PDB file of all heavy atoms in Angstrom:
ATOM      1  N   PRO A   1    -325.324 -15.123-111.085  1.00  0.00           N
ATOM      2  CA  PRO A   1    -326.195 -14.617-109.933  1.00  0.00           C
ATOM      3  C   PRO A   1    -326.663 -15.696-109.059  1.00  0.00           C
ATOM      4  O   PRO A   1    -326.716 -15.520-107.813  1.00  0.00           O
ATOM      5  CB  PRO A   1    -327.315 -13.873-110.639  1.00  0.00           C
ATOM      6  CG  PRO A   1    -326.700 -13.432-111.973  1.00  0.00           C
ATOM      7  CD  PRO A   1    -325.792 -14.625-112.341  1.00  0.00           C
ATOM      8  N   GLU A   2    -327.084 -16.821-109.594  1.00  0.00           N
ATOM      9  CA  GLU A   2    -327.558 -17.940-108.785  1.00  0.00           C
ATOM     10  C   GLU A   2    -326.432 -18.559-108.016  1.00  0.00           C
ATOM     11  O   GLU A   2    -326.670 -19.016-106.896  1.00  0.00           O
ATOM     12  CB  GLU A   2    -328.326 -18.938-109.626  1.00  0.00           C
ATOM     13  CG  GLU A   2    -329.634 -18.471-110.199  1.00  0.00           C
ATOM     14  CD  GLU A   2    -330.598 -17.916-109.147  1.00  0.00           C
ATOM     15  OE1 GLU A   2    -330.624 -18.544-108.017  1.00  0.00           O
ATOM     16  OE2 GLU A   2    -331.274 -16.872-109.372  1.00  0.00           O
ATOM     17  N   GLN A   3    -325.256 -18.655-108.574  1.00  0.00           N
ATOM     18  CA  GLN A   3    -324.122 -19.240-107.883  1.00  0.00           C
ATOM     19  C   GLN A   3    -323.784 -18.329-106.614  1.00  0.00           C
ATOM     20  O   GLN A   3    -323.562 -18.854-105.545  1.00  0.00           O
ATOM     21  CB  GLN A   3    -322.870 -19.257-108.806  1.00  0.00           C
ATOM     22  CG  GLN A   3    -322.923 -20.279-109.883  1.00  0.00           C
ATOM     23  CD  GLN A   3    -321.678 -20.180-110.820  1.00  0.00           C
ATOM     24  OE1 GLN A   3    -321.355 -19.101-111.248  1.00  0.00           O
ATOM     25  NE2 GLN A   3    -321.116 -21.333-111.135  1.00  0.00           N
ATOM     26  N   PHE A   4    -323.851 -17.032-106.848  1.00  0.00           N
ATOM     27  CA  PHE A   4    -323.568 -16.152-105.722  1.00  0.00           C
ATOM     28  C   PHE A   4    -324.718 -16.238-104.675  1.00  0.00           C
ATOM     29  O   PHE A   4    -324.457 -16.234-103.474  1.00  0.00           O
ATOM     30  CB  PHE A   4    -323.484 -14.706-106.210  1.00  0.00           C
ATOM     31  CG  PHE A   4    -322.970 -13.645-105.161  1.00  0.00           C
ATOM     32  CD1 PHE A   4    -321.763 -13.864-104.553  1.00  0.00           C
ATOM     33  CD2 PHE A   4    -323.787 -12.689-104.758  1.00  0.00           C
ATOM     34  CE1 PHE A   4    -321.319 -12.978-103.546  1.00  0.00           C
ATOM     35  CE2 PHE A   4    -323.410 -11.771-103.827  1.00  0.00           C
ATOM     36  CZ  PHE A   4    -322.113 -11.910-103.214  1.00  0.00           C
ATOM     37  N   ALA A   5    -325.962 -16.408-105.123  1.00  0.00           N
ATOM     38  CA  ALA A   5    -327.076 -16.560-104.169  1.00  0.00           C
ATOM     39  C   ALA A   5    -326.919 -17.830-103.356  1.00  0.00           C
ATOM     40  O   ALA A   5    -327.239 -17.854-102.147  1.00  0.00           O
ATOM     41  CB  ALA A   5    -328.399 -16.531-104.898  1.00  0.00           C
ATOM     42  N   SER A   6    -326.507 -18.952-103.992  1.00  0.00           N
ATOM     43  CA  SER A   6    -326.325 -20.184-103.237  1.00  0.00           C
ATOM     44  C   SER A   6    -325.204 -20.026-102.200  1.00  0.00           C
ATOM     45  O   SER A   6    -325.352 -20.533-101.143  1.00  0.00           O
ATOM     46  CB  SER A   6    -325.925 -21.265-104.232  1.00  0.00           C
ATOM     47  OG  SER A   6    -326.993 -21.494-105.065  1.00  0.00           O
ATOM     48  N   TYR A   7    -324.180 -19.400-102.578  1.00  0.00           N
ATOM     49  CA  TYR A   7    -323.079 -19.135-101.548  1.00  0.00           C
ATOM     50  C   TYR A   7    -323.573 -18.238-100.452  1.00  0.00           C
ATOM     51  O   TYR A   7    -323.260 -18.495 -99.256  1.00  0.00           O
ATOM     52  CB  TYR A   7    -321.894 -18.487-102.336  1.00  0.00           C
ATOM     53  CG  TYR A   7    -320.934 -17.637-101.519  1.00  0.00           C
ATOM     54  CD1 TYR A   7    -320.255 -18.247-100.423  1.00  0.00           C
ATOM     55  CD2 TYR A   7    -320.665 -16.307-101.742  1.00  0.00           C
ATOM     56  CE1 TYR A   7    -319.350 -17.550 -99.719  1.00  0.00           C
ATOM     57  CE2 TYR A   7    -319.794 -15.636-101.083  1.00  0.00           C
ATOM     58  CZ  TYR A   7    -319.124 -16.173 -99.914  1.00  0.00           C
ATOM     59  OH  TYR A   7    -318.268 -15.477 -99.200  1.00  0.00           O
ATOM     60  N   ALA A   8    -324.386 -17.197-100.786  1.00  0.00           N
ATOM     61  CA  ALA A   8    -324.918 -16.342 -99.777  1.00  0.00           C
ATOM     62  C   ALA A   8    -325.841 -17.129 -98.772  1.00  0.00           C
ATOM     63  O   ALA A   8    -325.790 -16.817 -97.570  1.00  0.00           O
ATOM     64  CB  ALA A   8    -325.651 -15.163-100.447  1.00  0.00           C
ATOM     65  N   THR A   9    -326.615 -18.013 -99.316  1.00  0.00           N
ATOM     66  CA  THR A   9    -327.478 -18.847 -98.485  1.00  0.00           C
ATOM     67  C   THR A   9    -326.641 -19.649 -97.515  1.00  0.00           C
ATOM     68  O   THR A   9    -326.969 -19.701 -96.286  1.00  0.00           O
ATOM     69  CB  THR A   9    -328.376 -19.795 -99.385  1.00  0.00           C
ATOM     70  OG1 THR A   9    -329.154 -19.014-100.194  1.00  0.00           O
ATOM     71  CG2 THR A   9    -329.144 -20.700 -98.456  1.00  0.00           C
ATOM     72  N   ALA A  10    -325.514 -20.261 -97.998  1.00  0.00           N
ATOM     73  CA  ALA A  10    -324.739 -21.104 -97.176  1.00  0.00           C
ATOM     74  C   ALA A  10    -324.043 -20.180 -96.106  1.00  0.00           C
ATOM     75  O   ALA A  10    -323.922 -20.672 -94.938  1.00  0.00           O
ATOM     76  CB  ALA A  10    -323.663 -21.811 -98.011  1.00  0.00           C
ATOM     77  N   ALA A  11    -323.618 -18.986 -96.462  1.00  0.00           N
ATOM     78  CA  ALA A  11    -322.968 -18.096 -95.487  1.00  0.00           C
ATOM     79  C   ALA A  11    -323.964 -17.685 -94.381  1.00  0.00           C
ATOM     80  O   ALA A  11    -323.607 -17.675 -93.245  1.00  0.00           O
ATOM     81  CB  ALA A  11    -322.412 -16.934 -96.209  1.00  0.00           C
ATOM     82  N   ALA A  12    -325.178 -17.366 -94.744  1.00  0.00           N
ATOM     83  CA  ALA A  12    -326.173 -16.926 -93.808  1.00  0.00           C
ATOM     84  C   ALA A  12    -326.528 -18.120 -92.875  1.00  0.00           C
ATOM     85  O   ALA A  12    -326.631 -17.874 -91.616  1.00  0.00           O
ATOM     86  CB  ALA A  12    -327.429 -16.480 -94.520  1.00  0.00           C
ATOM     87  N   ARG A  13    -326.676 -19.325 -93.369  1.00  0.00           N
ATOM     88  CA  ARG A  13    -326.926 -20.484 -92.547  1.00  0.00           C
ATOM     89  C   ARG A  13    -325.818 -20.719 -91.567  1.00  0.00           C
ATOM     90  O   ARG A  13    -326.036 -21.034 -90.344  1.00  0.00           O
ATOM     91  CB  ARG A  13    -327.264 -21.691 -93.378  1.00  0.00           C
ATOM     92  CG  ARG A  13    -328.600 -21.622 -94.118  1.00  0.00           C
ATOM     93  CD  ARG A  13    -328.712 -22.789 -95.032  1.00  0.00           C
ATOM     94  NE  ARG A  13    -330.110 -22.781 -95.670  1.00  0.00           N
ATOM     95  CZ  ARG A  13    -330.430 -23.498 -96.748  1.00  0.00           C
ATOM     96  NH1 ARG A  13    -329.509 -24.247 -97.362  1.00  0.00           N
ATOM     97  NH2 ARG A  13    -331.663 -23.463 -97.247  1.00  0.00           N
ATOM     98  N   TRP A  14    -324.568 -20.615 -92.129  1.00  0.00           N
ATOM     99  CA  TRP A  14    -323.446 -20.766 -91.237  1.00  0.00           C
ATOM    100  C   TRP A  14    -323.338 -19.814 -90.104  1.00  0.00           C
ATOM    101  O   TRP A  14    -323.114 -20.147 -88.946  1.00  0.00           O
ATOM    102  CB  TRP A  14    -322.166 -20.815 -92.055  1.00  0.00           C
ATOM    103  CG  TRP A  14    -320.870 -20.879 -91.251  1.00  0.00           C
ATOM    104  CD1 TRP A  14    -320.363 -21.868 -90.553  1.00  0.00           C
ATOM    105  CD2 TRP A  14    -320.045 -19.691 -91.059  1.00  0.00           C
ATOM    106  NE1 TRP A  14    -319.200 -21.551 -89.934  1.00  0.00           N
ATOM    107  CE2 TRP A  14    -318.928 -20.148 -90.175  1.00  0.00           C
ATOM    108  CE3 TRP A  14    -319.983 -18.448 -91.469  1.00  0.00           C
ATOM    109  CZ2 TRP A  14    -317.902 -19.417 -89.753  1.00  0.00           C
ATOM    110  CZ3 TRP A  14    -318.880 -17.639 -91.098  1.00  0.00           C
ATOM    111  CH2 TRP A  14    -317.923 -18.093 -90.234  1.00  0.00           C
ATOM    112  N   MET A  15    -323.521 -18.586 -90.491  1.00  0.00           N
ATOM    113  CA  MET A  15    -323.471 -17.471 -89.569  1.00  0.00           C
ATOM    114  C   MET A  15    -324.586 -17.535 -88.544  1.00  0.00           C
ATOM    115  O   MET A  15    -324.426 -17.306 -87.320  1.00  0.00           O
ATOM    116  CB  MET A  15    -323.446 -16.131 -90.217  1.00  0.00           C
ATOM    117  CG  MET A  15    -323.129 -14.944 -89.366  1.00  0.00           C
ATOM    118  SD  MET A  15    -321.521 -15.147 -88.437  1.00  0.00           S
ATOM    119  CE  MET A  15    -320.353 -15.332 -89.801  1.00  0.00           C
ATOM    120  N   ARG A  16    -325.751 -17.923 -88.932  1.00  0.00           N
ATOM    121  CA  ARG A  16    -326.928 -18.097 -88.038  1.00  0.00           C
ATOM    122  C   ARG A  16    -326.592 -19.197 -86.992  1.00  0.00           C
ATOM    123  O   ARG A  16    -327.036 -19.016 -85.834  1.00  0.00           O
ATOM    124  CB  ARG A  16    -328.097 -18.451 -88.817  1.00  0.00           C
ATOM    125  CG  ARG A  16    -329.444 -18.356 -88.095  1.00  0.00           C
ATOM    126  CD  ARG A  16    -329.885 -16.975 -87.720  1.00  0.00           C
ATOM    127  NE  ARG A  16    -328.991 -16.400 -86.655  1.00  0.00           N
ATOM    128  CZ  ARG A  16    -328.926 -15.036 -86.429  1.00  0.00           C
ATOM    129  NH1 ARG A  16    -329.550 -14.236 -87.142  1.00  0.00           N
ATOM    130  NH2 ARG A  16    -328.136 -14.594 -85.445  1.00  0.00           N
ATOM    131  N   HIS A  17    -325.816 -20.113 -87.392  1.00  0.00           N
ATOM    132  CA  HIS A  17    -325.458 -21.217 -86.452  1.00  0.00           C
ATOM    133  C   HIS A  17    -324.292 -20.721 -85.556  1.00  0.00           C
ATOM    134  O   HIS A  17    -324.245 -21.156 -84.354  1.00  0.00           O
ATOM    135  CB  HIS A  17    -324.916 -22.436 -87.235  1.00  0.00           C
ATOM    136  CG  HIS A  17    -324.404 -23.571 -86.369  1.00  0.00           C
ATOM    137  ND1 HIS A  17    -323.109 -23.700 -85.980  1.00  0.00           N
ATOM    138  CD2 HIS A  17    -325.098 -24.588 -85.781  1.00  0.00           C
ATOM    139  CE1 HIS A  17    -323.021 -24.777 -85.288  1.00  0.00           C
ATOM    140  NE2 HIS A  17    -324.180 -25.337 -85.105  1.00  0.00           N
ATOM    141  N   GLU A  18    -323.463 -19.860 -86.001  1.00  0.00           N
ATOM    142  CA  GLU A  18    -322.333 -19.293 -85.190  1.00  0.00           C
ATOM    143  C   GLU A  18    -322.693 -18.239 -84.157  1.00  0.00           C
ATOM    144  O   GLU A  18    -321.980 -18.104 -83.166  1.00  0.00           O
ATOM    145  CB  GLU A  18    -321.223 -18.817 -86.038  1.00  0.00           C
ATOM    146  CG  GLU A  18    -320.540 -19.873 -86.961  1.00  0.00           C
ATOM    147  CD  GLU A  18    -319.658 -20.762 -86.083  1.00  0.00           C
ATOM    148  OE1 GLU A  18    -319.252 -20.326 -84.981  1.00  0.00           O
ATOM    149  OE2 GLU A  18    -319.425 -21.872 -86.553  1.00  0.00           O
ATOM    150  N   THR A  19    -323.821 -17.557 -84.388  1.00  0.00           N
ATOM    151  CA  THR A  19    -324.043 -16.321 -83.528  1.00  0.00           C
ATOM    152  C   THR A  19    -325.578 -16.178 -83.447  1.00  0.00           C
ATOM    153  O   THR A  19    -326.328 -16.448 -84.372  1.00  0.00           O
ATOM    154  CB  THR A  19    -323.450 -15.105 -84.002  1.00  0.00           C
ATOM    155  OG1 THR A  19    -323.704 -13.977 -83.105  1.00  0.00           O
ATOM    156  CG2 THR A  19    -323.838 -14.765 -85.411  1.00  0.00           C
ATOM    157  N   ASP A  20    -325.963 -15.633 -82.336  1.00  0.00           N
ATOM    158  CA  ASP A  20    -327.413 -15.199 -82.030  1.00  0.00           C
ATOM    159  C   ASP A  20    -327.529 -13.732 -82.381  1.00  0.00           C
ATOM    160  O   ASP A  20    -328.651 -13.202 -82.341  1.00  0.00           O
ATOM    161  CB  ASP A  20    -327.838 -15.466 -80.660  1.00  0.00           C
ATOM    162  CG  ASP A  20    -327.904 -16.964 -80.381  1.00  0.00           C
ATOM    163  OD1 ASP A  20    -328.248 -17.732 -81.303  1.00  0.00           O
ATOM    164  OD2 ASP A  20    -327.666 -17.316 -79.216  1.00  0.00           O
ATOM    165  N   ALA A  21    -326.375 -13.035 -82.738  1.00  0.00           N
ATOM    166  CA  ALA A  21    -326.493 -11.589 -83.000  1.00  0.00           C
ATOM    167  C   ALA A  21    -327.177 -11.318 -84.284  1.00  0.00           C
ATOM    168  O   ALA A  21    -327.238 -12.255 -85.178  1.00  0.00           O
ATOM    169  CB  ALA A  21    -325.076 -11.030 -82.979  1.00  0.00           C
ATOM    170  N   PRO A  22    -327.711 -10.161 -84.509  1.00  0.00           N
ATOM    171  CA  PRO A  22    -328.264  -9.741 -85.841  1.00  0.00           C
ATOM    172  C   PRO A  22    -327.241  -9.883 -86.926  1.00  0.00           C
ATOM    173  O   PRO A  22    -326.068  -9.582 -86.724  1.00  0.00           O
ATOM    174  CB  PRO A  22    -328.663  -8.271 -85.635  1.00  0.00           C
ATOM    175  CG  PRO A  22    -328.780  -8.092 -84.130  1.00  0.00           C
ATOM    176  CD  PRO A  22    -327.774  -9.032 -83.518  1.00  0.00           C
ATOM    177  N   LEU A  23    -327.727 -10.387 -88.076  1.00  0.00           N
ATOM    178  CA  LEU A  23    -326.792 -10.635 -89.203  1.00  0.00           C
ATOM    179  C   LEU A  23    -326.737  -9.363 -90.017  1.00  0.00           C
ATOM    180  O   LEU A  23    -327.709  -8.754 -90.419  1.00  0.00           O
ATOM    181  CB  LEU A  23    -327.341 -11.725 -90.066  1.00  0.00           C
ATOM    182  CG  LEU A  23    -327.429 -13.156 -89.418  1.00  0.00           C
ATOM    183  CD1 LEU A  23    -327.780 -14.165 -90.424  1.00  0.00           C
ATOM    184  CD2 LEU A  23    -326.097 -13.514 -88.719  1.00  0.00           C
ATOM    185  N   LEU A  24    -325.490  -8.963 -90.311  1.00  0.00           N
ATOM    186  CA  LEU A  24    -325.128  -7.827 -91.129  1.00  0.00           C
ATOM    187  C   LEU A  24    -324.276  -8.253 -92.300  1.00  0.00           C
ATOM    188  O   LEU A  24    -323.152  -8.846 -92.007  1.00  0.00           O
ATOM    189  CB  LEU A  24    -324.424  -6.703 -90.294  1.00  0.00           C
ATOM    190  CG  LEU A  24    -325.283  -6.082 -89.137  1.00  0.00           C
ATOM    191  CD1 LEU A  24    -324.345  -5.314 -88.303  1.00  0.00           C
ATOM    192  CD2 LEU A  24    -326.335  -5.220 -89.763  1.00  0.00           C
ATOM    193  N   PHE A  25    -324.663  -7.960 -93.476  1.00  0.00           N
ATOM    194  CA  PHE A  25    -323.861  -8.393 -94.661  1.00  0.00           C
ATOM    195  C   PHE A  25    -323.598  -7.158 -95.658  1.00  0.00           C
ATOM    196  O   PHE A  25    -324.474  -6.383 -95.798  1.00  0.00           O
ATOM    197  CB  PHE A  25    -324.547  -9.483 -95.432  1.00  0.00           C
ATOM    198  CG  PHE A  25    -324.571 -10.844 -94.794  1.00  0.00           C
ATOM    199  CD1 PHE A  25    -325.762 -11.229 -94.117  1.00  0.00           C
ATOM    200  CD2 PHE A  25    -323.400 -11.669 -94.683  1.00  0.00           C
ATOM    201  CE1 PHE A  25    -325.789 -12.489 -93.455  1.00  0.00           C
ATOM    202  CE2 PHE A  25    -323.474 -12.836 -94.001  1.00  0.00           C
ATOM    203  CZ  PHE A  25    -324.634 -13.252 -93.432  1.00  0.00           C
ATOM    204  N   ALA A  26    -322.410  -7.208 -96.220  1.00  0.00           N
ATOM    205  CA  ALA A  26    -322.154  -6.296 -97.374  1.00  0.00           C
ATOM    206  C   ALA A  26    -321.964  -7.347 -98.516  1.00  0.00           C
ATOM    207  O   ALA A  26    -320.833  -7.901 -98.679  1.00  0.00           O
ATOM    208  CB  ALA A  26    -320.955  -5.487 -97.131  1.00  0.00           C
ATOM    209  N   PRO A  27    -322.955  -7.570 -99.334  1.00  0.00           N
ATOM    210  CA  PRO A  27    -322.862  -8.662-100.308  1.00  0.00           C
ATOM    211  C   PRO A  27    -321.747  -8.409-101.305  1.00  0.00           C
ATOM    212  O   PRO A  27    -320.960  -9.287-101.587  1.00  0.00           O
ATOM    213  CB  PRO A  27    -324.226  -8.589-101.023  1.00  0.00           C
ATOM    214  CG  PRO A  27    -325.177  -8.035 -99.995  1.00  0.00           C
ATOM    215  CD  PRO A  27    -324.340  -7.007 -99.214  1.00  0.00           C
ATOM    216  N   MET A  28    -321.626  -7.204-101.863  1.00  0.00           N
ATOM    217  CA  MET A  28    -320.567  -6.880-102.846  1.00  0.00           C
ATOM    218  C   MET A  28    -319.928  -5.584-102.526  1.00  0.00           C
ATOM    219  O   MET A  28    -320.557  -4.489-102.320  1.00  0.00           O
ATOM    220  CB  MET A  28    -321.260  -6.687-104.224  1.00  0.00           C
ATOM    221  CG  MET A  28    -321.711  -7.997-104.972  1.00  0.00           C
ATOM    222  SD  MET A  28    -320.331  -8.831-105.751  1.00  0.00           S
ATOM    223  CE  MET A  28    -321.211 -10.179-106.492  1.00  0.00           C
ATOM    224  N   ASN A  29    -318.607  -5.648-102.329  1.00  0.00           N
ATOM    225  CA  ASN A  29    -317.906  -4.385-102.050  1.00  0.00           C
ATOM    226  C   ASN A  29    -317.613  -3.611-103.331  1.00  0.00           C
ATOM    227  O   ASN A  29    -317.051  -4.102-104.282  1.00  0.00           O
ATOM    228  CB  ASN A  29    -316.627  -4.695-101.338  1.00  0.00           C
ATOM    229  CG  ASN A  29    -315.796  -3.397-101.031  1.00  0.00           C
ATOM    230  OD1 ASN A  29    -316.345  -2.626-100.312  1.00  0.00           O
ATOM    231  ND2 ASN A  29    -314.644  -3.268-101.569  1.00  0.00           N
ATOM    232  N   GLU A  30    -318.106  -2.339-103.421  1.00  0.00           N
ATOM    233  CA  GLU A  30    -317.754  -1.411-104.409  1.00  0.00           C
ATOM    234  C   GLU A  30    -317.977  -2.011-105.847  1.00  0.00           C
ATOM    235  O   GLU A  30    -317.014  -2.201-106.638  1.00  0.00           O
ATOM    236  CB  GLU A  30    -316.341  -0.947-104.336  1.00  0.00           C
ATOM    237  CG  GLU A  30    -316.119  -0.014-103.157  1.00  0.00           C
ATOM    238  CD  GLU A  30    -314.725   0.707-103.162  1.00  0.00           C
ATOM    239  OE1 GLU A  30    -313.784   0.097-103.674  1.00  0.00           O
ATOM    240  OE2 GLU A  30    -314.664   1.838-102.614  1.00  0.00           O
ATOM    241  N   MET A  31    -319.189  -2.270-106.220  1.00  0.00           N
ATOM    242  CA  MET A  31    -319.535  -2.767-107.533  1.00  0.00           C
ATOM    243  C   MET A  31    -319.064  -1.776-108.556  1.00  0.00           C
ATOM    244  O   MET A  31    -318.544  -2.164-109.646  1.00  0.00           O
ATOM    245  CB  MET A  31    -321.085  -2.906-107.595  1.00  0.00           C
ATOM    246  CG  MET A  31    -321.656  -3.983-106.804  1.00  0.00           C
ATOM    247  SD  MET A  31    -323.327  -4.361-107.249  1.00  0.00           S
ATOM    248  CE  MET A  31    -324.174  -2.875-106.754  1.00  0.00           C
ATOM    249  N   SER A  32    -319.094  -0.475-108.330  1.00  0.00           N
ATOM    250  CA  SER A  32    -318.671   0.472-109.333  1.00  0.00           C
ATOM    251  C   SER A  32    -317.157   0.409-109.609  1.00  0.00           C
ATOM    252  O   SER A  32    -316.729   0.389-110.721  1.00  0.00           O
ATOM    253  CB  SER A  32    -319.036   1.912-108.849  1.00  0.00           C
ATOM    254  OG  SER A  32    -320.420   2.089-108.708  1.00  0.00           O
ATOM    255  N   PHE A  33    -316.361   0.317-108.529  1.00  0.00           N
ATOM    256  CA  PHE A  33    -314.943   0.259-108.627  1.00  0.00           C
ATOM    257  C   PHE A  33    -314.530  -1.054-109.334  1.00  0.00           C
ATOM    258  O   PHE A  33    -313.675  -1.065-110.263  1.00  0.00           O
ATOM    259  CB  PHE A  33    -314.221   0.377-107.340  1.00  0.00           C
ATOM    260  CG  PHE A  33    -312.759   0.171-107.439  1.00  0.00           C
ATOM    261  CD1 PHE A  33    -311.961   1.253-107.968  1.00  0.00           C
ATOM    262  CD2 PHE A  33    -312.129  -1.004-107.096  1.00  0.00           C
ATOM    263  CE1 PHE A  33    -310.548   1.056-108.048  1.00  0.00           C
ATOM    264  CE2 PHE A  33    -310.731  -1.181-107.270  1.00  0.00           C
ATOM    265  CZ  PHE A  33    -309.943  -0.134-107.659  1.00  0.00           C
ATOM    266  N   LEU A  34    -315.125  -2.174-108.931  1.00  0.00           N
ATOM    267  CA  LEU A  34    -314.872  -3.433-109.506  1.00  0.00           C
ATOM    268  C   LEU A  34    -315.255  -3.488-111.021  1.00  0.00           C
ATOM    269  O   LEU A  34    -314.505  -4.094-111.815  1.00  0.00           O
ATOM    270  CB  LEU A  34    -315.574  -4.562-108.790  1.00  0.00           C
ATOM    271  CG  LEU A  34    -315.376  -6.013-109.263  1.00  0.00           C
ATOM    272  CD1 LEU A  34    -313.906  -6.375-109.432  1.00  0.00           C
ATOM    273  CD2 LEU A  34    -316.074  -6.985-108.370  1.00  0.00           C
ATOM    274  N   ALA A  35    -316.321  -2.866-111.353  1.00  0.00           N
ATOM    275  CA  ALA A  35    -316.773  -2.820-112.760  1.00  0.00           C
ATOM    276  C   ALA A  35    -315.741  -2.087-113.629  1.00  0.00           C
ATOM    277  O   ALA A  35    -315.464  -2.492-114.728  1.00  0.00           O
ATOM    278  CB  ALA A  35    -318.157  -2.239-112.901  1.00  0.00           C
TER     279      ALA A  35
END
């Protein structure tokens, strides 16, 4: 969970640098199907 959170932090910082638009994320696609 912390590894994923660190990656998410890096992604948000990168995207905040790339755009001024509102940030929209889907953190995990279909947890139920993947499980």
